[in-house]
Amino acid sequence: MAYNVLNLFDATDDGDEQGDPTFLPLLIKKGWSENKCLWKQGFRRILCEELDWTQEKYEERLRRVAKVLLDYDGGADIVVLEELENRRVITDLWKKHLKSKRYRKPIHFESPSNRGIDVGIISRLLLKELPIAHPVDLSGIDPNPTRDIVEATFKVTPTRFLKIAANHWPSLDHVVQARIRAAEVAKKIALKAQKEGTSFIAMGDFNTLPSEVPNPIEDNIADNEWSDSTRPLVDIPHYVGRYPNSPGDGSHFYKGNWSPLDRILVSKDFFRKETPFRIDLETFGVFAPSYLLTKETVQDPNTGKSKTYPIPFRYDFLTDEGYSDHLPVVLKIIVN
């Protein structure tokens, strides 16, 4: 499973390490000598100045995230999470809700992202070796740093290993070249796994649209040609041609459009008979129980007419309702 949990921030003031001052109690904000929200604009500035983000609200968010994770077949054996403030939030999630469900200590690195949102991995499997954080160098493209790509290799059996890369590529506010840089990092990890003879899965929020040219995924790291080792991955949503169980064609809804931002990419050895694993393509899709969805009436960008959509039930930080603006993507792997 890969799940963008939408700004999972604690209520602790980390001083100079506090990437986003929005997620703090009003009691702390009232003590500021200067307004730390001035760099934000519009609704984001209002939210930053007025949100009273308390420990109680943070605990409720942890419960909601844990519910989503565990409601999928009792919890996936490997979970990639995006938009984590720091190590504390993924550790709290684990200690309070997941450790008792046989999940092992989470994998996390503090990323250089200015907002302080990171990726992390939680798994029930033992690690084969120490995980690695791979930086994505945006020099010459963007002065603001982005999230690392985190690599971890797990022991599925004593002799069979699976390498995972947790991704959260630069957003669509950045030029496509920023996502191509991230794709190159993911590609290097995939080629390393290929050289090692280790099956590999990259998953997360790739922030990539099919219309992007050149396309960071389809023109660079993934295709459906099994003999082409220079593009070492298969993009499962592209291969399947849809997002099963999704109310629309994707995992994320924004301004009247569904987008395939959240993806699972697998190494080509999964499609060969001699591989230690195989993928169950029928299990790929979004996890979309009714409580993760709501209805919204918006203007259809194609027809101009109003239309009611079932969409992800985005977490509302003012009302404390909802979950995330993304739906989790899932896939089952079978040991041969």
Protein backbone atom coordinates (compact mmCIF):
# COMPACT_ATOMS: atom_id res chain seq x y z
CA MET A 1 0.00 0.00 0.00
CA ALA A 2 1.02 3.59 -0.68
CA TYR A 3 -0.93 6.40 0.97
CA ASN A 4 -0.50 10.17 0.91
CA VAL A 5 -1.93 11.02 4.33
CA LEU A 6 -2.15 14.82 3.73
CA ASN A 7 -0.09 16.90 6.14
CA LEU A 8 0.31 14.56 9.09
CA PHE A 9 1.79 17.06 11.55
CA ASP A 10 2.09 16.79 15.32
CA ALA A 11 1.23 19.66 17.68
CA THR A 12 4.77 20.15 18.99
CA ASP A 13 6.71 23.35 18.32
CA ASP A 14 10.06 22.26 16.88
CA GLY A 15 11.48 25.78 16.77
CA ASP A 16 13.76 26.34 13.79
CA GLU A 17 12.93 22.83 12.56
CA GLN A 18 9.20 23.65 12.33
CA GLY A 19 8.67 23.58 8.57
CA ASP A 20 5.06 24.79 8.62
CA PRO A 21 3.78 26.98 11.50
CA THR A 22 0.16 26.20 10.59
CA PHE A 23 0.09 23.05 12.69
CA LEU A 24 0.61 24.46 16.16
CA PRO A 25 -1.74 25.32 19.05
CA LEU A 26 -3.11 28.89 19.10
CA LEU A 27 -1.55 29.30 22.54
CA ILE A 28 1.88 29.03 20.92
CA LYS A 29 0.96 31.27 17.97
CA LYS A 30 -0.27 34.02 20.30
CA GLY A 31 3.16 34.04 21.91
CA TRP A 32 5.02 34.79 18.66
CA SER A 33 6.93 38.07 18.59
CA GLU A 34 6.14 38.25 14.87
CA ASN A 35 3.58 36.61 12.60
CA LYS A 36 5.22 33.51 11.11
CA CYS A 37 2.33 33.03 8.65
CA LEU A 38 3.01 36.14 6.56
CA TRP A 39 4.76 34.16 3.81
CA LYS A 40 1.54 32.27 3.10
CA GLN A 41 -1.27 33.60 0.92
CA GLY A 42 -5.08 33.40 0.75
CA PHE A 43 -6.79 30.57 2.61
CA ARG A 44 -3.46 29.00 3.59
CA ARG A 45 -2.53 32.15 5.50
CA ILE A 46 -5.94 32.30 7.20
CA LEU A 47 -5.62 28.64 8.19
CA CYS A 48 -2.10 29.22 9.49
CA GLU A 49 -3.21 32.15 11.65
CA GLU A 50 -6.49 30.70 12.94
CA LEU A 51 -6.03 26.93 13.21
CA ASP A 52 -5.76 25.67 16.78
CA TRP A 53 -3.86 22.44 16.14
CA THR A 54 -3.85 20.65 19.50
CA GLN A 55 -2.51 17.37 20.80
CA GLU A 56 -6.07 16.02 20.92
CA LYS A 57 -6.62 16.80 17.23
CA TYR A 58 -3.29 15.23 16.35
CA GLU A 59 -4.20 12.05 18.25
CA GLU A 60 -7.49 11.87 16.34
CA ARG A 61 -5.64 12.17 13.04
CA LEU A 62 -3.38 9.28 14.04
CA ARG A 63 -6.44 7.17 14.81
CA ARG A 64 -7.96 7.97 11.42
CA VAL A 65 -4.79 7.13 9.50
CA ALA A 66 -4.39 3.88 11.44
CA LYS A 67 -8.02 2.94 10.70
CA VAL A 68 -7.40 3.27 6.95
CA LEU A 69 -4.21 1.23 7.09
CA LEU A 70 -5.67 -1.60 9.17
CA ASP A 71 -9.03 -1.77 7.41
CA TYR A 72 -7.29 -3.01 4.28
CA ASP A 73 -7.12 -6.78 4.97
CA GLY A 74 -5.90 -6.18 8.50
CA GLY A 75 -3.04 -4.05 7.15
CA ALA A 76 -0.67 -4.44 4.20
CA ASP A 77 2.69 -6.07 4.97
CA ILE A 78 4.50 -3.06 3.47
CA VAL A 79 3.11 0.48 3.68
CA VAL A 80 4.63 3.60 2.13
CA LEU A 81 3.39 6.88 3.62
CA GLU A 82 3.81 10.40 2.24
CA GLU A 83 3.43 13.85 3.85
CA LEU A 84 4.82 13.04 7.28
CA GLU A 85 6.14 15.99 9.25
CA ASN A 86 8.96 14.12 10.96
CA ARG A 87 10.09 10.91 12.62
CA ARG A 88 7.88 11.64 15.62
CA VAL A 89 4.59 11.31 13.72
CA ILE A 90 5.38 7.96 12.08
CA THR A 91 6.77 6.68 15.39
CA ASP A 92 3.64 7.79 17.25
CA LEU A 93 1.48 6.12 14.61
CA TRP A 94 3.46 2.92 15.04
CA LYS A 95 3.63 2.89 18.85
CA LYS A 96 0.00 3.82 19.46
CA HIS A 97 -1.72 1.86 16.70
CA LEU A 98 0.49 -0.44 14.61
CA LYS A 99 3.10 -2.04 16.85
CA SER A 100 0.47 -4.29 18.42
CA LYS A 101 -0.45 -5.45 14.89
CA ARG A 102 3.06 -6.91 14.37
CA TYR A 103 4.49 -3.95 12.46
CA ARG A 104 8.19 -3.38 13.01
CA LYS A 105 9.93 -0.10 13.80
CA PRO A 106 9.23 2.43 11.02
CA ILE A 107 11.77 3.59 8.46
CA HIS A 108 12.17 7.34 8.17
CA PHE A 109 14.75 9.97 7.27
CA GLU A 110 14.39 13.73 7.80
CA SER A 111 14.21 15.15 4.29
CA PRO A 112 15.51 18.56 3.17
CA SER A 113 12.02 19.67 2.05
CA ASN A 114 11.35 23.24 3.19
CA ARG A 115 7.91 22.34 4.52
CA GLY A 116 9.36 19.39 6.37
CA ILE A 117 7.15 16.70 4.86
CA ASP A 118 8.78 13.33 4.44
CA VAL A 119 8.16 9.79 3.25
CA GLY A 120 8.28 6.74 5.47
CA ILE A 121 7.85 2.97 5.36
CA ILE A 122 6.19 0.66 7.88
CA SER A 123 6.39 -3.10 7.43
CA ARG A 124 5.86 -6.40 9.17
CA LEU A 125 8.93 -7.81 7.39
CA LEU A 126 12.51 -7.89 8.63
CA LEU A 127 15.05 -5.66 6.93
CA LYS A 128 17.84 -7.34 4.96
CA GLU A 129 20.14 -4.31 5.24
CA LEU A 130 20.14 -0.73 6.41
CA PRO A 131 17.74 1.55 4.50
CA ILE A 132 19.10 4.41 2.39
CA ALA A 133 17.83 7.95 1.75
CA HIS A 134 18.61 9.06 -1.81
CA PRO A 135 18.58 12.86 -2.30
CA VAL A 136 16.99 14.37 -5.42
CA ASP A 137 19.26 17.15 -6.67
CA LEU A 138 17.25 20.05 -8.13
CA SER A 139 20.19 22.41 -8.58
CA GLY A 140 19.80 24.52 -11.69
CA ILE A 141 16.05 23.83 -11.70
CA ASP A 142 14.64 24.92 -8.37
CA PRO A 143 16.31 26.58 -5.36
CA ASN A 144 13.99 24.73 -2.96
CA PRO A 145 15.00 21.19 -1.97
CA THR A 146 12.59 18.28 -2.30
CA ARG A 147 11.95 14.96 -0.60
CA ASP A 148 14.44 12.10 -0.61
CA ILE A 149 13.56 8.75 -2.14
CA VAL A 150 13.89 6.08 0.56
CA GLU A 151 15.17 2.60 -0.31
CA ALA A 152 14.63 -0.44 1.90
CA THR A 153 15.23 -4.14 1.22
CA PHE A 154 13.11 -6.69 3.09
CA LYS A 155 13.39 -10.40 3.79
CA VAL A 156 10.17 -11.96 2.52
CA THR A 157 11.62 -15.40 3.25
CA PRO A 158 15.12 -16.27 4.51
CA THR A 159 16.35 -16.46 0.89
CA ARG A 160 13.96 -14.14 -1.00
CA PHE A 161 14.29 -10.39 -0.84
CA LEU A 162 12.19 -7.46 -2.01
CA LYS A 163 13.51 -3.93 -2.53
CA ILE A 164 11.13 -1.00 -2.01
CA ALA A 165 11.49 2.68 -2.92
CA ALA A 166 9.21 5.22 -1.20
CA ASN A 167 8.54 8.21 -3.47
CA HIS A 168 7.00 11.66 -3.22
CA TRP A 169 8.19 13.52 -6.31
CA PRO A 170 8.13 17.33 -6.69
CA SER A 171 4.61 18.69 -7.06
CA LEU A 172 2.99 19.88 -10.28
CA ASP A 173 3.85 23.44 -9.23
CA HIS A 174 7.41 22.54 -10.28
CA VAL A 175 8.60 22.19 -13.86
CA VAL A 176 8.56 18.70 -15.35
CA GLN A 177 12.37 18.58 -15.25
CA ALA A 178 12.16 18.40 -11.43
CA ARG A 179 10.17 15.18 -11.65
CA ILE A 180 12.56 13.85 -14.30
CA ARG A 181 15.38 14.34 -11.78
CA ALA A 182 13.40 12.30 -9.24
CA ALA A 183 12.71 9.66 -11.89
CA GLU A 184 16.44 9.32 -12.55
CA VAL A 185 17.05 8.60 -8.87
CA ALA A 186 14.31 5.96 -8.82
CA LYS A 187 15.73 4.49 -12.01
CA LYS A 188 19.20 4.13 -10.47
CA ILE A 189 17.72 2.21 -7.54
CA ALA A 190 15.77 -0.01 -9.95
CA LEU A 191 18.87 -0.72 -12.05
CA LYS A 192 20.83 -1.55 -8.89
CA ALA A 193 18.11 -4.02 -7.90
CA GLN A 194 18.18 -5.47 -11.42
CA LYS A 195 21.95 -5.98 -11.18
CA GLU A 196 21.56 -7.63 -7.77
CA GLY A 197 18.79 -9.89 -9.07
CA THR A 198 16.38 -8.46 -6.49
CA SER A 199 12.71 -7.81 -7.25
CA PHE A 200 11.87 -4.15 -6.91
CA ILE A 201 8.78 -1.99 -6.30
CA ALA A 202 8.63 1.81 -6.40
CA MET A 203 5.46 3.30 -4.98
CA GLY A 204 4.10 6.55 -3.65
CA ASP A 205 2.93 9.91 -4.95
CA PHE A 206 4.71 10.53 -8.25
CA ASN A 207 2.90 13.82 -9.03
CA THR A 208 3.05 12.93 -12.73
CA LEU A 209 0.26 13.38 -15.28
CA PRO A 210 0.00 11.30 -18.48
CA SER A 211 -0.04 14.54 -20.49
CA GLU A 212 3.42 15.65 -19.37
CA VAL A 213 6.02 15.78 -22.16
CA PRO A 214 8.60 14.46 -21.80
CA ASN A 215 6.91 12.13 -19.38
CA PRO A 216 9.05 11.36 -16.31
CA ILE A 217 7.66 7.82 -16.09
CA GLU A 218 6.56 6.58 -19.51
CA ASP A 219 9.38 8.27 -21.46
CA ASN A 220 12.08 7.42 -18.98
CA ILE A 221 11.83 4.54 -16.52
CA ALA A 222 8.82 2.36 -17.44
CA ASP A 223 7.37 0.52 -20.44
CA ASN A 224 5.75 -2.81 -21.25
CA GLU A 225 8.68 -4.22 -23.25
CA TRP A 226 9.98 -7.11 -21.15
CA SER A 227 13.28 -7.31 -23.05
CA ASP A 228 14.13 -3.60 -22.56
CA SER A 229 16.36 -3.50 -19.49
CA THR A 230 17.14 0.23 -19.91
CA ARG A 231 13.62 1.00 -18.74
CA PRO A 232 13.56 -1.41 -15.82
CA LEU A 233 9.98 -0.87 -14.56
CA VAL A 234 6.35 -1.47 -15.45
CA ASP A 235 3.86 1.19 -14.38
CA ILE A 236 0.98 -0.95 -13.08
CA PRO A 237 -1.80 1.67 -13.52
CA HIS A 238 -0.67 2.19 -17.12
CA TYR A 239 -0.35 -1.56 -17.71
CA VAL A 240 -3.80 -2.29 -16.29
CA GLY A 241 -5.22 0.78 -17.99
CA ARG A 242 -7.32 1.96 -15.08
CA TYR A 243 -7.63 2.40 -11.32
CA PRO A 244 -10.02 -0.35 -10.16
CA ASN A 245 -12.37 0.57 -7.29
CA SER A 246 -11.81 4.29 -7.91
CA PRO A 247 -14.88 6.48 -8.51
CA GLY A 248 -12.81 8.07 -11.28
CA ASP A 249 -9.68 7.43 -13.29
CA GLY A 250 -7.09 7.98 -10.61
CA SER A 251 -6.33 8.29 -6.91
CA HIS A 252 -6.52 12.07 -6.47
CA PHE A 253 -9.28 14.57 -7.33
CA TYR A 254 -8.64 18.28 -7.94
CA LYS A 255 -10.77 20.95 -9.61
CA GLY A 256 -13.09 18.52 -11.35
CA ASN A 257 -10.43 16.10 -12.53
CA TRP A 258 -9.16 12.74 -11.32
CA SER A 259 -5.39 12.30 -11.57
CA PRO A 260 -3.17 9.18 -11.47
CA LEU A 261 -0.68 10.70 -9.02
CA ASP A 262 -0.32 7.67 -6.76
CA ARG A 263 1.25 4.69 -8.49
CA ILE A 264 2.93 1.35 -8.06
CA LEU A 265 5.81 0.51 -10.42
CA VAL A 266 7.35 -2.96 -10.42
CA SER A 267 10.48 -4.51 -11.91
CA LYS A 268 10.01 -6.59 -15.04
CA ASP A 269 11.13 -9.82 -13.40
CA PHE A 270 7.68 -10.04 -11.79
CA PHE A 271 6.36 -11.00 -15.24
CA ARG A 272 8.84 -13.84 -15.78
CA LYS A 273 8.22 -17.43 -14.74
CA GLU A 274 11.51 -17.87 -12.92
CA THR A 275 10.99 -14.94 -10.52
CA PRO A 276 10.62 -15.65 -6.77
CA PHE A 277 7.47 -13.49 -6.76
CA ARG A 278 4.55 -12.68 -8.98
CA ILE A 279 1.99 -9.91 -8.84
CA ASP A 280 -1.73 -10.47 -8.62
CA LEU A 281 -2.92 -7.86 -11.11
CA GLU A 282 -6.53 -8.35 -10.06
CA THR A 283 -5.69 -6.92 -6.64
CA PHE A 284 -4.34 -3.62 -7.97
CA GLY A 285 -6.49 -0.56 -7.40
CA VAL A 286 -7.41 2.08 -4.89
CA PHE A 287 -8.67 1.21 -1.44
CA ALA A 288 -11.92 3.16 -1.29
CA PRO A 289 -14.32 2.14 1.49
CA SER A 290 -17.35 4.44 1.72
CA TYR A 291 -15.96 6.42 4.66
CA LEU A 292 -13.00 7.57 2.53
CA LEU A 293 -15.38 9.19 0.02
CA THR A 294 -17.72 12.15 0.00
CA LYS A 295 -19.75 13.88 -2.69
CA GLU A 296 -19.02 17.24 -4.20
CA THR A 297 -20.80 19.24 -6.89
CA VAL A 298 -18.41 21.12 -9.15
CA GLN A 299 -18.32 22.44 -12.66
CA ASP A 300 -17.17 19.89 -15.21
CA PRO A 301 -14.10 21.47 -16.88
CA ASN A 302 -14.97 19.76 -20.17
CA THR A 303 -18.67 20.61 -20.48
CA GLY A 304 -19.08 23.58 -18.14
CA LYS A 305 -22.07 21.87 -16.51
CA SER A 306 -22.43 21.15 -12.81
CA LYS A 307 -21.82 17.56 -11.88
CA THR A 308 -21.78 15.64 -8.60
CA TYR A 309 -18.71 13.48 -8.02
CA PRO A 310 -17.80 10.95 -5.35
CA ILE A 311 -14.34 12.16 -4.36
CA PRO A 312 -11.77 11.50 -1.63
CA PHE A 313 -13.00 12.79 1.74
CA ARG A 314 -10.26 15.35 2.31
CA TYR A 315 -9.33 15.99 5.93
CA ASP A 316 -10.69 19.36 7.08
CA PHE A 317 -8.36 20.77 9.70
CA LEU A 318 -11.04 23.19 10.97
CA THR A 319 -13.86 20.67 11.42
CA ASP A 320 -11.67 17.59 12.06
CA GLU A 321 -13.65 15.57 9.52
CA GLY A 322 -12.36 13.44 6.65
CA TYR A 323 -9.16 11.58 5.88
CA SER A 324 -7.05 12.69 2.90
CA ASP A 325 -7.32 14.16 -0.59
CA HIS A 326 -5.69 10.97 -1.90
CA LEU A 327 -6.91 7.39 -1.91
CA PRO A 328 -4.44 4.59 -1.05
CA VAL A 329 -3.19 2.41 -3.91
CA VAL A 330 -2.73 -1.30 -3.22
CA LEU A 331 -1.30 -4.42 -4.85
CA LYS A 332 -0.73 -7.97 -3.61
CA ILE A 333 2.49 -9.89 -4.23
CA ILE A 334 2.54 -13.69 -4.22
CA VAL A 335 5.58 -15.80 -3.29
CA ASN A 336 6.15 -18.45 -5.98
